[in-house]
Amino acid sequence: TTLRIVSRPVGTWPLQTYNFSSGLRTAIAIVLLVLMMLIVQV
C-alpha cells in the first residue's frame, strides 16, 4: 500500500496498466520538475 501511494502520482507504480493516464502523470511530474530547475537556473 505504501509503495503504491508514493509511486502512482508520478506514474511509476509497476503493477499499473501502462496507458495514457499513467503516462500523463509521469509527463506532468517531469514538466513540473524541469520548470522548477529552469526557474532556479534563471
PDB file of all heavy atoms in Angstrom:
ATOM      1  N   THR A   1       0.825  -1.214   0.000  1.00  0.00           N
ATOM      2  CA  THR A   1       0.000   0.000   0.000  1.00  0.00           C
ATOM      3  C   THR A   1       0.856   1.260   0.000  1.00  0.00           C
ATOM      4  O   THR A   1       0.618   2.195  -0.778  1.00  0.00           O
ATOM      5  CB  THR A   1      -0.945   0.004   1.203  1.00  0.00           C
ATOM      6  OG1 THR A   1      -1.812  -1.135   1.131  1.00  0.00           O
ATOM      7  CG2 THR A   1      -1.779   1.269   1.228  1.00  0.00           C
ATOM      8  N   THR A   2       1.859   1.315   0.861  1.00  0.00           N
ATOM      9  CA  THR A   2       2.721   2.494   0.934  1.00  0.00           C
ATOM     10  C   THR A   2       3.450   2.724  -0.376  1.00  0.00           C
ATOM     11  O   THR A   2       3.565   3.868  -0.851  1.00  0.00           O
ATOM     12  CB  THR A   2       3.734   2.339   2.082  1.00  0.00           C
ATOM     13  OG1 THR A   2       3.043   2.110   3.310  1.00  0.00           O
ATOM     14  CG2 THR A   2       4.587   3.591   2.213  1.00  0.00           C
ATOM     15  N   LEU A   3       3.932   1.642  -0.985  1.00  0.00           N
ATOM     16  CA  LEU A   3       4.662   1.770  -2.248  1.00  0.00           C
ATOM     17  C   LEU A   3       3.747   2.270  -3.358  1.00  0.00           C
ATOM     18  O   LEU A   3       4.166   3.073  -4.199  1.00  0.00           O
ATOM     19  CB  LEU A   3       5.277   0.424  -2.633  1.00  0.00           C
ATOM     20  CG  LEU A   3       6.159  -0.248  -1.583  1.00  0.00           C
ATOM     21  CD1 LEU A   3       6.738  -1.539  -2.125  1.00  0.00           C
ATOM     22  CD2 LEU A   3       7.269   0.688  -1.141  1.00  0.00           C
ATOM     23  N   ARG A   4       2.511   1.804  -3.372  1.00  0.00           N
ATOM     24  CA  ARG A   4       1.568   2.258  -4.392  1.00  0.00           C
ATOM     25  C   ARG A   4       1.216   3.728  -4.203  1.00  0.00           C
ATOM     26  O   ARG A   4       1.090   4.477  -5.183  1.00  0.00           O
ATOM     27  CB  ARG A   4       0.303   1.398  -4.346  1.00  0.00           C
ATOM     28  CG  ARG A   4      -0.705   1.743  -5.423  1.00  0.00           C
ATOM     29  CD  ARG A   4      -1.828   0.745  -5.505  1.00  0.00           C
ATOM     30  NE  ARG A   4      -2.627   0.750  -4.282  1.00  0.00           N
ATOM     31  CZ  ARG A   4      -2.676  -0.262  -3.421  1.00  0.00           C
ATOM     32  NH1 ARG A   4      -1.968  -1.346  -3.640  1.00  0.00           N
ATOM     33  NH2 ARG A   4      -3.428  -0.199  -2.338  1.00  0.00           N
ATOM     34  N   ILE A   5       1.096   4.170  -2.956  1.00  0.00           N
ATOM     35  CA  ILE A   5       0.729   5.564  -2.691  1.00  0.00           C
ATOM     36  C   ILE A   5       1.816   6.518  -3.188  1.00  0.00           C
ATOM     37  O   ILE A   5       1.513   7.572  -3.770  1.00  0.00           O
ATOM     38  CB  ILE A   5       0.462   5.762  -1.182  1.00  0.00           C
ATOM     39  CG1 ILE A   5      -0.832   5.041  -0.791  1.00  0.00           C
ATOM     40  CG2 ILE A   5       0.360   7.247  -0.832  1.00  0.00           C
ATOM     41  CD1 ILE A   5      -1.102   5.056   0.702  1.00  0.00           C
ATOM     42  N   VAL A   6       3.085   6.179  -2.968  1.00  0.00           N
ATOM     43  CA  VAL A   6       4.160   7.106  -3.329  1.00  0.00           C
ATOM     44  C   VAL A   6       4.525   7.037  -4.815  1.00  0.00           C
ATOM     45  O   VAL A   6       5.163   7.958  -5.335  1.00  0.00           O
ATOM     46  CB  VAL A   6       5.423   6.838  -2.487  1.00  0.00           C
ATOM     47  CG1 VAL A   6       5.142   7.052  -1.019  1.00  0.00           C
ATOM     48  CG2 VAL A   6       5.977   5.444  -2.739  1.00  0.00           C
ATOM     49  N   SER A   7       4.138   5.972  -5.512  1.00  0.00           N
ATOM     50  CA  SER A   7       4.557   5.832  -6.909  1.00  0.00           C
ATOM     51  C   SER A   7       3.460   6.146  -7.923  1.00  0.00           C
ATOM     52  O   SER A   7       3.758   6.546  -9.051  1.00  0.00           O
ATOM     53  CB  SER A   7       5.085   4.410  -7.161  1.00  0.00           C
ATOM     54  OG  SER A   7       4.094   3.444  -6.866  1.00  0.00           O
ATOM     55  N   ARG A   8       2.208   5.972  -7.571  1.00  0.00           N
ATOM     56  CA  ARG A   8       1.136   6.231  -8.530  1.00  0.00           C
ATOM     57  C   ARG A   8       1.052   7.696  -8.969  1.00  0.00           C
ATOM     58  O   ARG A   8       0.762   7.959 -10.138  1.00  0.00           O
ATOM     59  CB  ARG A   8      -0.220   5.784  -7.957  1.00  0.00           C
ATOM     60  CG  ARG A   8      -0.436   4.283  -8.000  1.00  0.00           C
ATOM     61  CD  ARG A   8      -1.870   3.933  -7.644  1.00  0.00           C
ATOM     62  NE  ARG A   8      -2.785   4.384  -8.682  1.00  0.00           N
ATOM     63  CZ  ARG A   8      -3.135   3.646  -9.729  1.00  0.00           C
ATOM     64  NH1 ARG A   8      -2.621   2.442  -9.898  1.00  0.00           N
ATOM     65  NH2 ARG A   8      -3.998   4.111 -10.603  1.00  0.00           N
ATOM     66  N   PRO A   9       1.268   8.691  -8.078  1.00  0.00           N
ATOM     67  CA  PRO A   9       1.165  10.086  -8.548  1.00  0.00           C
ATOM     68  C   PRO A   9       2.111  10.435  -9.686  1.00  0.00           C
ATOM     69  O   PRO A   9       1.802  11.322 -10.483  1.00  0.00           O
ATOM     70  CB  PRO A   9       1.482  10.901  -7.284  1.00  0.00           C
ATOM     71  CG  PRO A   9       1.110  10.015  -6.153  1.00  0.00           C
ATOM     72  CD  PRO A   9       1.448   8.635  -6.614  1.00  0.00           C
ATOM     73  N   VAL A  10       3.257   9.776  -9.775  1.00  0.00           N
ATOM     74  CA  VAL A  10       4.208  10.069 -10.857  1.00  0.00           C
ATOM     75  C   VAL A  10       4.203   8.979 -11.922  1.00  0.00           C
ATOM     76  O   VAL A  10       5.054   8.977 -12.819  1.00  0.00           O
ATOM     77  CB  VAL A  10       5.632  10.256 -10.291  1.00  0.00           C
ATOM     78  CG1 VAL A  10       5.706  11.508  -9.448  1.00  0.00           C
ATOM     79  CG2 VAL A  10       6.071   9.037  -9.489  1.00  0.00           C
ATOM     80  N   GLY A  11       3.263   8.046 -11.859  1.00  0.00           N
ATOM     81  CA  GLY A  11       3.090   7.048 -12.910  1.00  0.00           C
ATOM     82  C   GLY A  11       4.136   5.972 -12.960  1.00  0.00           C
ATOM     83  O   GLY A  11       4.379   5.402 -14.036  1.00  0.00           O
ATOM     84  N   THR A  12       4.773   5.628 -11.829  1.00  0.00           N
ATOM     85  CA  THR A  12       5.821   4.604 -11.838  1.00  0.00           C
ATOM     86  C   THR A  12       5.428   3.341 -11.089  1.00  0.00           C
ATOM     87  O   THR A  12       6.285   2.470 -10.884  1.00  0.00           O
ATOM     88  CB  THR A  12       7.111   5.168 -11.226  1.00  0.00           C
ATOM     89  OG1 THR A  12       6.846   5.639  -9.894  1.00  0.00           O
ATOM     90  CG2 THR A  12       7.660   6.311 -12.065  1.00  0.00           C
ATOM     91  N   TRP A  13       4.173   3.215 -10.669  1.00  0.00           N
ATOM     92  CA  TRP A  13       3.728   2.000  -9.978  1.00  0.00           C
ATOM     93  C   TRP A  13       3.824   0.820 -10.933  1.00  0.00           C
ATOM     94  O   TRP A  13       3.168   0.787 -11.971  1.00  0.00           O
ATOM     95  CB  TRP A  13       2.315   2.174  -9.459  1.00  0.00           C
ATOM     96  CG  TRP A  13       1.658   0.969  -8.890  1.00  0.00           C
ATOM     97  CD1 TRP A  13       0.493   0.399  -9.311  1.00  0.00           C
ATOM     98  CD2 TRP A  13       2.106   0.182  -7.776  1.00  0.00           C
ATOM     99  NE1 TRP A  13       0.173  -0.682  -8.539  1.00  0.00           N
ATOM    100  CE2 TRP A  13       1.155  -0.846  -7.582  1.00  0.00           C
ATOM    101  CE3 TRP A  13       3.219   0.248  -6.928  1.00  0.00           C
ATOM    102  CZ2 TRP A  13       1.292  -1.796  -6.572  1.00  0.00           C
ATOM    103  CZ3 TRP A  13       3.348  -0.707  -5.922  1.00  0.00           C
ATOM    104  CH2 TRP A  13       2.395  -1.700  -5.755  1.00  0.00           C
ATOM    105  N   PRO A  14       4.651  -0.201 -10.650  1.00  0.00           N
ATOM    106  CA  PRO A  14       4.923  -1.267 -11.626  1.00  0.00           C
ATOM    107  C   PRO A  14       3.722  -2.138 -11.961  1.00  0.00           C
ATOM    108  O   PRO A  14       3.700  -2.754 -13.032  1.00  0.00           O
ATOM    109  CB  PRO A  14       6.030  -2.093 -10.946  1.00  0.00           C
ATOM    110  CG  PRO A  14       6.648  -1.173  -9.960  1.00  0.00           C
ATOM    111  CD  PRO A  14       5.530  -0.312  -9.468  1.00  0.00           C
ATOM    112  N   LEU A  15       2.721  -2.234 -11.084  1.00  0.00           N
ATOM    113  CA  LEU A  15       1.576  -3.110 -11.319  1.00  0.00           C
ATOM    114  C   LEU A  15       0.385  -2.383 -11.924  1.00  0.00           C
ATOM    115  O   LEU A  15      -0.723  -2.900 -11.920  1.00  0.00           O
ATOM    116  CB  LEU A  15       1.165  -3.791 -10.011  1.00  0.00           C
ATOM    117  CG  LEU A  15       2.216  -4.710  -9.387  1.00  0.00           C
ATOM    118  CD1 LEU A  15       1.710  -5.302  -8.079  1.00  0.00           C
ATOM    119  CD2 LEU A  15       2.619  -5.816 -10.348  1.00  0.00           C
ATOM    120  N   GLN A  16       0.617  -1.182 -12.453  1.00  0.00           N
ATOM    121  CA  GLN A  16      -0.457  -0.427 -13.078  1.00  0.00           C
ATOM    122  C   GLN A  16      -0.612  -0.841 -14.546  1.00  0.00           C
ATOM    123  O   GLN A  16       0.212  -1.556 -15.115  1.00  0.00           O
ATOM    124  CB  GLN A  16      -0.130   1.066 -13.019  1.00  0.00           C
ATOM    125  CG  GLN A  16       1.069   1.443 -13.886  1.00  0.00           C
ATOM    126  CD  GLN A  16       1.464   2.891 -13.745  1.00  0.00           C
ATOM    127  OE1 GLN A  16       0.722   3.696 -13.229  1.00  0.00           O
ATOM    128  NE2 GLN A  16       2.659   3.224 -14.217  1.00  0.00           N
ATOM    129  N   THR A  17      -1.669  -0.374 -15.168  1.00  0.00           N
ATOM    130  CA  THR A  17      -1.824  -0.507 -16.612  1.00  0.00           C
ATOM    131  C   THR A  17      -1.102   0.659 -17.282  1.00  0.00           C
ATOM    132  O   THR A  17      -1.395   1.819 -17.003  1.00  0.00           O
ATOM    133  CB  THR A  17      -3.311  -0.495 -17.000  1.00  0.00           C
ATOM    134  OG1 THR A  17      -3.985  -1.557 -16.319  1.00  0.00           O
ATOM    135  CG2 THR A  17      -3.472  -0.667 -18.499  1.00  0.00           C
ATOM    136  N   TYR A  18      -0.156   0.354 -18.132  1.00  0.00           N
ATOM    137  CA  TYR A  18       0.651   1.399 -18.758  1.00  0.00           C
ATOM    138  C   TYR A  18      -0.131   1.992 -19.932  1.00  0.00           C
ATOM    139  O   TYR A  18       0.033   1.608 -21.083  1.00  0.00           O
ATOM    140  CB  TYR A  18       1.994   0.829 -19.217  1.00  0.00           C
ATOM    141  CG  TYR A  18       2.965   0.644 -18.073  1.00  0.00           C
ATOM    142  CD1 TYR A  18       2.839  -0.434 -17.202  1.00  0.00           C
ATOM    143  CD2 TYR A  18       3.975   1.557 -17.833  1.00  0.00           C
ATOM    144  CE1 TYR A  18       3.703  -0.599 -16.144  1.00  0.00           C
ATOM    145  CE2 TYR A  18       4.859   1.409 -16.777  1.00  0.00           C
ATOM    146  CZ  TYR A  18       4.712   0.327 -15.931  1.00  0.00           C
ATOM    147  OH  TYR A  18       5.573   0.179 -14.870  1.00  0.00           O
ATOM    148  N   ASN A  19      -0.988   2.945 -19.596  1.00  0.00           N
ATOM    149  CA  ASN A  19      -1.848   3.571 -20.591  1.00  0.00           C
ATOM    150  C   ASN A  19      -1.579   5.071 -20.642  1.00  0.00           C
ATOM    151  O   ASN A  19      -0.596   5.574 -20.075  1.00  0.00           O
ATOM    152  CB  ASN A  19      -3.322   3.290 -20.263  1.00  0.00           C
ATOM    153  CG  ASN A  19      -3.661   3.656 -18.818  1.00  0.00           C
ATOM    154  OD1 ASN A  19      -2.938   4.410 -18.159  1.00  0.00           O
ATOM    155  ND2 ASN A  19      -4.770   3.129 -18.321  1.00  0.00           N
ATOM    156  N   PHE A  20      -2.460   5.800 -21.295  1.00  0.00           N
ATOM    157  CA  PHE A  20      -2.281   7.240 -21.459  1.00  0.00           C
ATOM    158  C   PHE A  20      -2.336   7.964 -20.125  1.00  0.00           C
ATOM    159  O   PHE A  20      -1.598   8.927 -19.897  1.00  0.00           O
ATOM    160  CB  PHE A  20      -3.365   7.782 -22.401  1.00  0.00           C
ATOM    161  CG  PHE A  20      -3.322   9.277 -22.559  1.00  0.00           C
ATOM    162  CD1 PHE A  20      -2.381   9.886 -23.378  1.00  0.00           C
ATOM    163  CD2 PHE A  20      -4.232  10.077 -21.875  1.00  0.00           C
ATOM    164  CE1 PHE A  20      -2.350  11.267 -23.518  1.00  0.00           C
ATOM    165  CE2 PHE A  20      -4.215  11.458 -22.012  1.00  0.00           C
ATOM    166  CZ  PHE A  20      -3.260  12.045 -22.837  1.00  0.00           C
ATOM    167  N   SER A  21      -3.218   7.510 -19.228  1.00  0.00           N
ATOM    168  CA  SER A  21      -3.373   8.186 -17.935  1.00  0.00           C
ATOM    169  C   SER A  21      -2.091   8.130 -17.113  1.00  0.00           C
ATOM    170  O   SER A  21      -1.643   9.149 -16.565  1.00  0.00           O
ATOM    171  CB  SER A  21      -4.528   7.554 -17.158  1.00  0.00           C
ATOM    172  OG  SER A  21      -4.646   8.135 -15.873  1.00  0.00           O
ATOM    173  N   SER A  22      -1.492   6.943 -17.025  1.00  0.00           N
ATOM    174  CA  SER A  22      -0.249   6.820 -16.256  1.00  0.00           C
ATOM    175  C   SER A  22       0.888   7.576 -16.923  1.00  0.00           C
ATOM    176  O   SER A  22       1.720   8.195 -16.246  1.00  0.00           O
ATOM    177  CB  SER A  22       0.115   5.347 -16.093  1.00  0.00           C
ATOM    178  OG  SER A  22       0.329   4.744 -17.362  1.00  0.00           O
ATOM    179  N   GLY A  23       0.928   7.555 -18.252  1.00  0.00           N
ATOM    180  CA  GLY A  23       1.958   8.315 -18.953  1.00  0.00           C
ATOM    181  C   GLY A  23       1.790   9.813 -18.783  1.00  0.00           C
ATOM    182  O   GLY A  23       2.781  10.554 -18.698  1.00  0.00           O
ATOM    183  N   LEU A  24       0.533  10.268 -18.699  1.00  0.00           N
ATOM    184  CA  LEU A  24       0.282  11.697 -18.492  1.00  0.00           C
ATOM    185  C   LEU A  24       0.764  12.141 -17.111  1.00  0.00           C
ATOM    186  O   LEU A  24       1.327  13.234 -16.970  1.00  0.00           O
ATOM    187  CB  LEU A  24      -1.210  11.982 -18.653  1.00  0.00           C
ATOM    188  CG  LEU A  24      -1.640  13.450 -18.497  1.00  0.00           C
ATOM    189  CD1 LEU A  24      -0.988  14.320 -19.564  1.00  0.00           C
ATOM    190  CD2 LEU A  24      -3.159  13.566 -18.567  1.00  0.00           C
ATOM    191  N   ARG A  25       0.561  11.308 -16.092  1.00  0.00           N
ATOM    192  CA  ARG A  25       1.048  11.657 -14.757  1.00  0.00           C
ATOM    193  C   ARG A  25       2.561  11.776 -14.737  1.00  0.00           C
ATOM    194  O   ARG A  25       3.116  12.692 -14.115  1.00  0.00           O
ATOM    195  CB  ARG A  25       0.582  10.604 -13.744  1.00  0.00           C
ATOM    196  CG  ARG A  25      -0.917  10.575 -13.525  1.00  0.00           C
ATOM    197  CD  ARG A  25      -1.271   9.827 -12.257  1.00  0.00           C
ATOM    198  NE  ARG A  25      -0.811   8.442 -12.289  1.00  0.00           N
ATOM    199  CZ  ARG A  25      -1.520   7.428 -12.751  1.00  0.00           C
ATOM    200  NH1 ARG A  25      -2.732   7.637 -13.245  1.00  0.00           N
ATOM    201  NH2 ARG A  25      -1.041   6.203 -12.735  1.00  0.00           N
ATOM    202  N   THR A  26       3.228  10.869 -15.413  1.00  0.00           N
ATOM    203  CA  THR A  26       4.689  10.946 -15.488  1.00  0.00           C
ATOM    204  C   THR A  26       5.131  12.201 -16.227  1.00  0.00           C
ATOM    205  O   THR A  26       6.071  12.893 -15.799  1.00  0.00           O
ATOM    206  CB  THR A  26       5.248   9.696 -16.191  1.00  0.00           C
ATOM    207  OG1 THR A  26       4.826   8.527 -15.503  1.00  0.00           O
ATOM    208  CG2 THR A  26       6.767   9.741 -16.241  1.00  0.00           C
ATOM    209  N   ALA A  27       4.468  12.509 -17.340  1.00  0.00           N
ATOM    210  CA  ALA A  27       4.837  13.692 -18.129  1.00  0.00           C
ATOM    211  C   ALA A  27       4.628  14.972 -17.323  1.00  0.00           C
ATOM    212  O   ALA A  27       5.465  15.884 -17.353  1.00  0.00           O
ATOM    213  CB  ALA A  27       4.021  13.730 -19.418  1.00  0.00           C
ATOM    214  N   ILE A  28       3.521  15.049 -16.584  1.00  0.00           N
ATOM    215  CA  ILE A  28       3.252  16.248 -15.774  1.00  0.00           C
ATOM    216  C   ILE A  28       4.322  16.404 -14.694  1.00  0.00           C
ATOM    217  O   ILE A  28       4.829  17.514 -14.450  1.00  0.00           O
ATOM    218  CB  ILE A  28       1.849  16.167 -15.157  1.00  0.00           C
ATOM    219  CG1 ILE A  28       0.778  16.282 -16.248  1.00  0.00           C
ATOM    220  CG2 ILE A  28       1.655  17.261 -14.110  1.00  0.00           C
ATOM    221  CD1 ILE A  28      -0.640  16.090 -15.741  1.00  0.00           C
ATOM    222  N   ALA A  29       4.688  15.301 -14.041  1.00  0.00           N
ATOM    223  CA  ALA A  29       5.709  15.369 -12.993  1.00  0.00           C
ATOM    224  C   ALA A  29       7.051  15.835 -13.562  1.00  0.00           C
ATOM    225  O   ALA A  29       7.725  16.694 -12.971  1.00  0.00           O
ATOM    226  CB  ALA A  29       5.861  14.005 -12.325  1.00  0.00           C
ATOM    227  N   ILE A  30       7.432  15.313 -14.714  1.00  0.00           N
ATOM    228  CA  ILE A  30       8.715  15.703 -15.316  1.00  0.00           C
ATOM    229  C   ILE A  30       8.679  17.155 -15.762  1.00  0.00           C
ATOM    230  O   ILE A  30       9.657  17.902 -15.592  1.00  0.00           O
ATOM    231  CB  ILE A  30       9.053  14.757 -16.489  1.00  0.00           C
ATOM    232  CG1 ILE A  30       9.357  13.348 -15.951  1.00  0.00           C
ATOM    233  CG2 ILE A  30      10.240  15.286 -17.282  1.00  0.00           C
ATOM    234  CD1 ILE A  30       9.644  12.343 -17.031  1.00  0.00           C
ATOM    235  N   VAL A  31       7.558  17.597 -16.336  1.00  0.00           N
ATOM    236  CA  VAL A  31       7.443  19.002 -16.759  1.00  0.00           C
ATOM    237  C   VAL A  31       7.560  19.937 -15.558  1.00  0.00           C
ATOM    238  O   VAL A  31       8.244  20.971 -15.611  1.00  0.00           O
ATOM    239  CB  VAL A  31       6.112  19.220 -17.511  1.00  0.00           C
ATOM    240  CG1 VAL A  31       5.838  20.715 -17.690  1.00  0.00           C
ATOM    241  CG2 VAL A  31       6.155  18.541 -18.866  1.00  0.00           C
ATOM    242  N   LEU A  32       6.911  19.603 -14.451  1.00  0.00           N
ATOM    243  CA  LEU A  32       6.998  20.434 -13.246  1.00  0.00           C
ATOM    244  C   LEU A  32       8.420  20.482 -12.711  1.00  0.00           C
ATOM    245  O   LEU A  32       8.908  21.543 -12.288  1.00  0.00           O
ATOM    246  CB  LEU A  32       6.045  19.905 -12.174  1.00  0.00           C
ATOM    247  CG  LEU A  32       4.549  20.063 -12.439  1.00  0.00           C
ATOM    248  CD1 LEU A  32       3.734  19.396 -11.340  1.00  0.00           C
ATOM    249  CD2 LEU A  32       4.172  21.534 -12.558  1.00  0.00           C
ATOM    250  N   LEU A  33       9.101  19.351 -12.733  1.00  0.00           N
ATOM    251  CA  LEU A  33      10.488  19.321 -12.252  1.00  0.00           C
ATOM    252  C   LEU A  33      11.406  20.133 -13.152  1.00  0.00           C
ATOM    253  O   LEU A  33      12.278  20.875 -12.667  1.00  0.00           O
ATOM    254  CB  LEU A  33      10.968  17.871 -12.174  1.00  0.00           C
ATOM    255  CG  LEU A  33      10.308  16.998 -11.103  1.00  0.00           C
ATOM    256  CD1 LEU A  33      10.699  15.543 -11.286  1.00  0.00           C
ATOM    257  CD2 LEU A  33      10.693  17.482  -9.721  1.00  0.00           C
ATOM    258  N   VAL A  34      11.225  20.011 -14.455  1.00  0.00           N
ATOM    259  CA  VAL A  34      12.052  20.791 -15.386  1.00  0.00           C
ATOM    260  C   VAL A  34      11.760  22.276 -15.235  1.00  0.00           C
ATOM    261  O   VAL A  34      12.680  23.117 -15.284  1.00  0.00           O
ATOM    262  CB  VAL A  34      11.801  20.318 -16.833  1.00  0.00           C
ATOM    263  CG1 VAL A  34      12.497  21.240 -17.833  1.00  0.00           C
ATOM    264  CG2 VAL A  34      12.293  18.887 -17.020  1.00  0.00           C
ATOM    265  N   LEU A  35      10.491  22.634 -15.030  1.00  0.00           N
ATOM    266  CA  LEU A  35      10.133  24.035 -14.811  1.00  0.00           C
ATOM    267  C   LEU A  35      10.804  24.582 -13.555  1.00  0.00           C
ATOM    268  O   LEU A  35      11.333  25.710 -13.558  1.00  0.00           O
ATOM    269  CB  LEU A  35       8.615  24.162 -14.702  1.00  0.00           C
ATOM    270  CG  LEU A  35       8.062  25.565 -14.390  1.00  0.00           C
ATOM    271  CD1 LEU A  35       8.420  26.543 -15.509  1.00  0.00           C
ATOM    272  CD2 LEU A  35       6.556  25.512 -14.178  1.00  0.00           C
ATOM    273  N   MET A  36      10.798  23.814 -12.498  1.00  0.00           N
ATOM    274  CA  MET A  36      11.450  24.245 -11.267  1.00  0.00           C
ATOM    275  C   MET A  36      12.952  24.451 -11.480  1.00  0.00           C
ATOM    276  O   MET A  36      13.527  25.458 -11.043  1.00  0.00           O
ATOM    277  CB  MET A  36      11.215  23.210 -10.171  1.00  0.00           C
ATOM    278  CG  MET A  36      11.844  23.562  -8.832  1.00  0.00           C
ATOM    279  SD  MET A  36      11.865  22.156  -7.693  1.00  0.00           S
ATOM    280  CE  MET A  36      13.025  21.070  -8.537  1.00  0.00           C
ATOM    281  N   MET A  37      13.607  23.523 -12.170  1.00  0.00           N
ATOM    282  CA  MET A  37      15.041  23.667 -12.413  1.00  0.00           C
ATOM    283  C   MET A  37      15.335  24.865 -13.301  1.00  0.00           C
ATOM    284  O   MET A  37      16.349  25.561 -13.122  1.00  0.00           O
ATOM    285  CB  MET A  37      15.589  22.380 -13.039  1.00  0.00           C
ATOM    286  CG  MET A  37      15.600  21.195 -12.087  1.00  0.00           C
ATOM    287  SD  MET A  37      16.459  19.757 -12.768  1.00  0.00           S
ATOM    288  CE  MET A  37      15.313  19.276 -14.071  1.00  0.00           C
ATOM    289  N   LEU A  38      14.464  25.141 -14.263  1.00  0.00           N
ATOM    290  CA  LEU A  38      14.646  26.296 -15.139  1.00  0.00           C
ATOM    291  C   LEU A  38      14.542  27.601 -14.354  1.00  0.00           C
ATOM    292  O   LEU A  38      15.345  28.529 -14.549  1.00  0.00           O
ATOM    293  CB  LEU A  38      13.613  26.260 -16.265  1.00  0.00           C
ATOM    294  CG  LEU A  38      13.691  27.384 -17.303  1.00  0.00           C
ATOM    295  CD1 LEU A  38      15.034  27.353 -18.020  1.00  0.00           C
ATOM    296  CD2 LEU A  38      12.546  27.279 -18.299  1.00  0.00           C
ATOM    297  N   ILE A  39      13.577  27.674 -13.444  1.00  0.00           N
ATOM    298  CA  ILE A  39      13.422  28.867 -12.611  1.00  0.00           C
ATOM    299  C   ILE A  39      14.664  29.094 -11.752  1.00  0.00           C
ATOM    300  O   ILE A  39      15.167  30.216 -11.632  1.00  0.00           O
ATOM    301  CB  ILE A  39      12.168  28.733 -11.730  1.00  0.00           C
ATOM    302  CG1 ILE A  39      10.902  28.784 -12.588  1.00  0.00           C
ATOM    303  CG2 ILE A  39      12.113  29.837 -10.679  1.00  0.00           C
ATOM    304  CD1 ILE A  39       9.629  28.501 -11.819  1.00  0.00           C
ATOM    305  N   VAL A  40      15.175  28.029 -11.169  1.00  0.00           N
ATOM    306  CA  VAL A  40      16.354  28.141 -10.310  1.00  0.00           C
ATOM    307  C   VAL A  40      17.575  28.579 -11.116  1.00  0.00           C
ATOM    308  O   VAL A  40      18.365  29.432 -10.665  1.00  0.00           O
ATOM    309  CB  VAL A  40      16.605  26.807  -9.593  1.00  0.00           C
ATOM    310  CG1 VAL A  40      17.933  26.836  -8.856  1.00  0.00           C
ATOM    311  CG2 VAL A  40      15.478  26.509  -8.613  1.00  0.00           C
ATOM    312  N   GLN A  41      17.738  28.044 -12.317  1.00  0.00           N
ATOM    313  CA  GLN A  41      18.884  28.419 -13.139  1.00  0.00           C
ATOM    314  C   GLN A  41      18.812  29.883 -13.563  1.00  0.00           C
ATOM    315  O   GLN A  41      19.824  30.601 -13.555  1.00  0.00           O
ATOM    316  CB  GLN A  41      18.951  27.516 -14.373  1.00  0.00           C
ATOM    317  CG  GLN A  41      19.412  26.108 -14.060  1.00  0.00           C
ATOM    318  CD  GLN A  41      19.441  25.229 -15.291  1.00  0.00           C
ATOM    319  OE1 GLN A  41      18.716  25.456 -16.260  1.00  0.00           O
ATOM    320  NE2 GLN A  41      20.273  24.209 -15.267  1.00  0.00           N
ATOM    321  N   VAL A  42      17.624  30.338 -13.919  1.00  0.00           N
ATOM    322  CA  VAL A  42      17.464  31.747 -14.284  1.00  0.00           C
ATOM    323  C   VAL A  42      17.754  32.637 -13.082  1.00  0.00           C
ATOM    324  O   VAL A  42      18.392  33.690 -13.208  1.00  0.00           O
ATOM    325  CB  VAL A  42      16.042  31.994 -14.839  1.00  0.00           C
ATOM    326  CG1 VAL A  42      15.799  33.486 -15.032  1.00  0.00           C
ATOM    327  CG2 VAL A  42      15.839  31.246 -16.143  1.00  0.00           C
TER     328      VAL A  42
END
